[in-house]
Amino acid sequence: MRQALGEAGWHNYSLFLRDDGLLVGYVETTDFPRALERMAANDVNSRWQAEMAGFFEGVPGRKADEQIVPLAQVFYLP
């Protein structure tokens, strides 16, 4: 999975989980829609989605990676 993410353009990928179940991810990529598309086409991702489905709540019939909602950046200090 790690290799597949890197090859799809995902870099510095982190997930953060709050006690109430809120999951927030952080990833650096030059083209987020393309990175999602490339992962969706990868068999490694399909296997991961199937194995991890029970850990995610959301829209029935949609995989966890199909429910990602990008957050707007409101502050950046280089």
N, C-alpha and C. Protein backbone atom coordinates (compact mmCIF):
# COMPACT_ATOMS: atom_id res chain seq x y z
N MET A 1 0.82 -1.18 0.00
CA MET A 1 0.00 0.00 0.00
C MET A 1 0.87 1.25 0.00
N ARG A 2 1.90 1.25 0.82
CA ARG A 2 2.78 2.43 0.88
C ARG A 2 3.41 2.71 -0.48
N GLN A 3 3.89 1.66 -1.14
CA GLN A 3 4.49 1.83 -2.46
C GLN A 3 3.46 2.33 -3.47
N ALA A 4 2.26 1.78 -3.42
CA ALA A 4 1.20 2.19 -4.34
C ALA A 4 0.83 3.66 -4.13
N LEU A 5 0.74 4.09 -2.89
CA LEU A 5 0.43 5.49 -2.60
C LEU A 5 1.51 6.41 -3.18
N GLY A 6 2.77 6.06 -2.96
CA GLY A 6 3.86 6.87 -3.49
C GLY A 6 3.85 6.94 -5.01
N GLU A 7 3.61 5.80 -5.65
CA GLU A 7 3.57 5.77 -7.11
C GLU A 7 2.38 6.56 -7.66
N ALA A 8 1.31 6.68 -6.86
CA ALA A 8 0.13 7.44 -7.28
C ALA A 8 0.27 8.93 -7.00
N GLY A 9 1.38 9.32 -6.35
CA GLY A 9 1.62 10.74 -6.11
C GLY A 9 1.28 11.22 -4.71
N TRP A 10 1.01 10.29 -3.79
CA TRP A 10 0.73 10.66 -2.40
C TRP A 10 2.05 10.74 -1.63
N HIS A 11 2.29 11.86 -0.96
CA HIS A 11 3.52 12.06 -0.20
C HIS A 11 3.18 12.66 1.17
N ASN A 12 3.98 12.35 2.17
CA ASN A 12 3.77 12.88 3.53
C ASN A 12 2.33 12.67 3.98
N TYR A 13 1.85 11.46 3.83
CA TYR A 13 0.47 11.11 4.14
C TYR A 13 0.34 10.75 5.62
N SER A 14 -0.59 11.41 6.30
CA SER A 14 -0.84 11.17 7.73
C SER A 14 -2.34 11.10 7.97
N LEU A 15 -2.73 10.31 8.97
CA LEU A 15 -4.12 10.26 9.41
C LEU A 15 -4.15 10.60 10.89
N PHE A 16 -5.18 11.34 11.31
CA PHE A 16 -5.36 11.73 12.70
C PHE A 16 -6.76 11.31 13.12
N LEU A 17 -6.89 10.66 14.27
CA LEU A 17 -8.18 10.16 14.74
C LEU A 17 -8.50 10.74 16.11
N ARG A 18 -9.66 11.35 16.21
CA ARG A 18 -10.14 11.88 17.48
C ARG A 18 -10.91 10.79 18.22
N ASP A 19 -11.04 10.91 19.53
CA ASP A 19 -11.73 9.91 20.34
C ASP A 19 -13.17 9.65 19.88
N ASP A 20 -13.83 10.68 19.34
CA ASP A 20 -15.22 10.51 18.91
C ASP A 20 -15.34 9.91 17.50
N GLY A 21 -14.21 9.57 16.89
CA GLY A 21 -14.24 8.91 15.59
C GLY A 21 -13.95 9.81 14.40
N LEU A 22 -13.81 11.11 14.62
CA LEU A 22 -13.48 12.01 13.52
C LEU A 22 -12.09 11.65 12.98
N LEU A 23 -12.01 11.39 11.70
CA LEU A 23 -10.75 11.03 11.05
C LEU A 23 -10.38 12.14 10.07
N VAL A 24 -9.19 12.69 10.21
CA VAL A 24 -8.69 13.74 9.33
C VAL A 24 -7.36 13.27 8.75
N GLY A 25 -7.23 13.39 7.45
CA GLY A 25 -6.00 13.00 6.80
C GLY A 25 -5.28 14.20 6.21
N TYR A 26 -3.98 14.05 6.06
CA TYR A 26 -3.13 15.07 5.46
C TYR A 26 -2.27 14.39 4.41
N VAL A 27 -2.22 14.96 3.24
CA VAL A 27 -1.37 14.41 2.18
C VAL A 27 -0.86 15.57 1.33
N GLU A 28 0.35 15.41 0.84
CA GLU A 28 0.90 16.38 -0.10
C GLU A 28 0.95 15.70 -1.47
N THR A 29 0.46 16.40 -2.48
CA THR A 29 0.47 15.90 -3.85
C THR A 29 0.32 17.08 -4.80
N THR A 30 0.81 16.94 -6.00
CA THR A 30 0.70 18.03 -6.97
C THR A 30 -0.68 18.07 -7.62
N ASP A 31 -1.41 16.95 -7.61
CA ASP A 31 -2.72 16.89 -8.26
C ASP A 31 -3.59 15.90 -7.49
N PHE A 32 -4.35 16.39 -6.51
CA PHE A 32 -5.12 15.52 -5.64
C PHE A 32 -6.15 14.67 -6.39
N PRO A 33 -6.96 15.25 -7.28
CA PRO A 33 -7.92 14.40 -8.02
C PRO A 33 -7.22 13.28 -8.81
N ARG A 34 -6.10 13.59 -9.40
CA ARG A 34 -5.35 12.57 -10.16
C ARG A 34 -4.77 11.51 -9.22
N ALA A 35 -4.28 11.91 -8.06
CA ALA A 35 -3.75 10.95 -7.09
C ALA A 35 -4.85 10.00 -6.62
N LEU A 36 -6.05 10.52 -6.36
CA LEU A 36 -7.19 9.68 -5.99
C LEU A 36 -7.53 8.71 -7.12
N GLU A 37 -7.57 9.22 -8.32
CA GLU A 37 -7.89 8.40 -9.50
C GLU A 37 -6.89 7.27 -9.68
N ARG A 38 -5.62 7.59 -9.53
CA ARG A 38 -4.58 6.57 -9.71
C ARG A 38 -4.67 5.50 -8.63
N MET A 39 -4.99 5.88 -7.40
CA MET A 39 -5.14 4.88 -6.34
C MET A 39 -6.39 4.03 -6.58
N ALA A 40 -7.48 4.64 -7.01
CA ALA A 40 -8.72 3.90 -7.25
C ALA A 40 -8.54 2.81 -8.30
N ALA A 41 -7.61 3.03 -9.22
CA ALA A 41 -7.36 2.06 -10.29
C ALA A 41 -6.40 0.95 -9.87
N ASN A 42 -5.87 1.02 -8.67
CA ASN A 42 -4.86 0.07 -8.22
C ASN A 42 -5.50 -1.07 -7.42
N ASP A 43 -5.14 -2.31 -7.74
CA ASP A 43 -5.69 -3.47 -7.06
C ASP A 43 -5.38 -3.47 -5.57
N VAL A 44 -4.24 -2.93 -5.18
CA VAL A 44 -3.88 -2.85 -3.77
C VAL A 44 -4.93 -2.04 -3.02
N ASN A 45 -5.38 -0.96 -3.61
CA ASN A 45 -6.40 -0.12 -3.00
C ASN A 45 -7.72 -0.87 -2.87
N SER A 46 -8.09 -1.61 -3.88
CA SER A 46 -9.34 -2.38 -3.83
C SER A 46 -9.32 -3.38 -2.68
N ARG A 47 -8.21 -4.06 -2.51
CA ARG A 47 -8.08 -5.02 -1.40
C ARG A 47 -8.13 -4.31 -0.05
N TRP A 48 -7.46 -3.17 0.06
CA TRP A 48 -7.45 -2.41 1.30
C TRP A 48 -8.86 -1.93 1.63
N GLN A 49 -9.56 -1.38 0.64
CA GLN A 49 -10.92 -0.89 0.85
C GLN A 49 -11.83 -2.00 1.37
N ALA A 50 -11.73 -3.19 0.78
CA ALA A 50 -12.56 -4.32 1.20
C ALA A 50 -12.24 -4.73 2.64
N GLU A 51 -10.96 -4.77 2.97
CA GLU A 51 -10.54 -5.21 4.30
C GLU A 51 -10.88 -4.19 5.38
N MET A 52 -10.84 -2.91 5.05
CA MET A 52 -11.03 -1.86 6.05
C MET A 52 -12.46 -1.32 6.10
N ALA A 53 -13.35 -1.78 5.24
CA ALA A 53 -14.71 -1.23 5.13
C ALA A 53 -15.44 -1.18 6.46
N GLY A 54 -15.25 -2.18 7.31
CA GLY A 54 -15.95 -2.22 8.59
C GLY A 54 -15.53 -1.15 9.58
N PHE A 55 -14.44 -0.47 9.31
CA PHE A 55 -13.94 0.56 10.22
C PHE A 55 -14.43 1.96 9.85
N PHE A 56 -15.14 2.08 8.74
CA PHE A 56 -15.59 3.39 8.27
C PHE A 56 -17.11 3.45 8.20
N GLU A 57 -17.66 4.57 8.65
CA GLU A 57 -19.08 4.85 8.49
C GLU A 57 -19.20 5.89 7.40
N GLY A 58 -20.32 5.89 6.74
CA GLY A 58 -20.52 6.90 5.71
C GLY A 58 -21.69 6.54 4.83
N VAL A 59 -21.60 6.90 3.59
CA VAL A 59 -22.67 6.66 2.63
C VAL A 59 -22.65 5.18 2.24
N PRO A 60 -23.76 4.46 2.47
CA PRO A 60 -23.81 3.05 2.09
C PRO A 60 -23.52 2.87 0.59
N GLY A 61 -22.71 1.87 0.29
CA GLY A 61 -22.38 1.60 -1.10
C GLY A 61 -21.21 2.39 -1.65
N ARG A 62 -20.65 3.28 -0.84
CA ARG A 62 -19.48 4.05 -1.28
C ARG A 62 -18.29 3.69 -0.42
N LYS A 63 -17.15 3.50 -1.05
CA LYS A 63 -15.92 3.18 -0.35
C LYS A 63 -15.40 4.41 0.41
N ALA A 64 -14.56 4.16 1.39
CA ALA A 64 -14.02 5.26 2.20
C ALA A 64 -13.32 6.31 1.34
N ASP A 65 -12.55 5.86 0.34
CA ASP A 65 -11.83 6.83 -0.49
C ASP A 65 -12.73 7.59 -1.45
N GLU A 66 -13.97 7.17 -1.60
CA GLU A 66 -14.92 7.89 -2.44
C GLU A 66 -15.67 8.96 -1.64
N GLN A 67 -15.39 9.02 -0.34
CA GLN A 67 -16.08 9.97 0.54
C GLN A 67 -15.14 11.04 1.09
N ILE A 68 -13.94 11.12 0.55
CA ILE A 68 -12.97 12.12 1.00
C ILE A 68 -13.47 13.52 0.64
N VAL A 69 -13.47 14.39 1.62
CA VAL A 69 -13.88 15.77 1.42
C VAL A 69 -12.68 16.66 1.74
N PRO A 70 -12.05 17.27 0.73
CA PRO A 70 -10.90 18.14 1.00
C PRO A 70 -11.33 19.34 1.85
N LEU A 71 -10.47 19.70 2.79
CA LEU A 71 -10.70 20.88 3.63
C LEU A 71 -10.01 22.08 3.00
N ALA A 72 -10.61 23.24 3.15
CA ALA A 72 -10.01 24.47 2.64
C ALA A 72 -8.89 24.92 3.56
N GLN A 73 -7.75 25.23 3.00
CA GLN A 73 -6.65 25.76 3.79
C GLN A 73 -6.97 27.20 4.16
N VAL A 74 -6.87 27.51 5.44
CA VAL A 74 -7.18 28.85 5.90
C VAL A 74 -5.97 29.59 6.45
N PHE A 75 -4.85 28.88 6.61
CA PHE A 75 -3.63 29.53 7.08
C PHE A 75 -2.44 28.68 6.69
N TYR A 76 -1.38 29.32 6.28
CA TYR A 76 -0.15 28.62 5.93
C TYR A 76 1.03 29.53 6.28
N LEU A 77 1.99 28.99 7.02
CA LEU A 77 3.19 29.72 7.38
C LEU A 77 4.38 28.88 6.96
N PRO A 78 5.05 29.26 5.87
CA PRO A 78 6.20 28.46 5.42
C PRO A 78 7.42 28.62 6.32
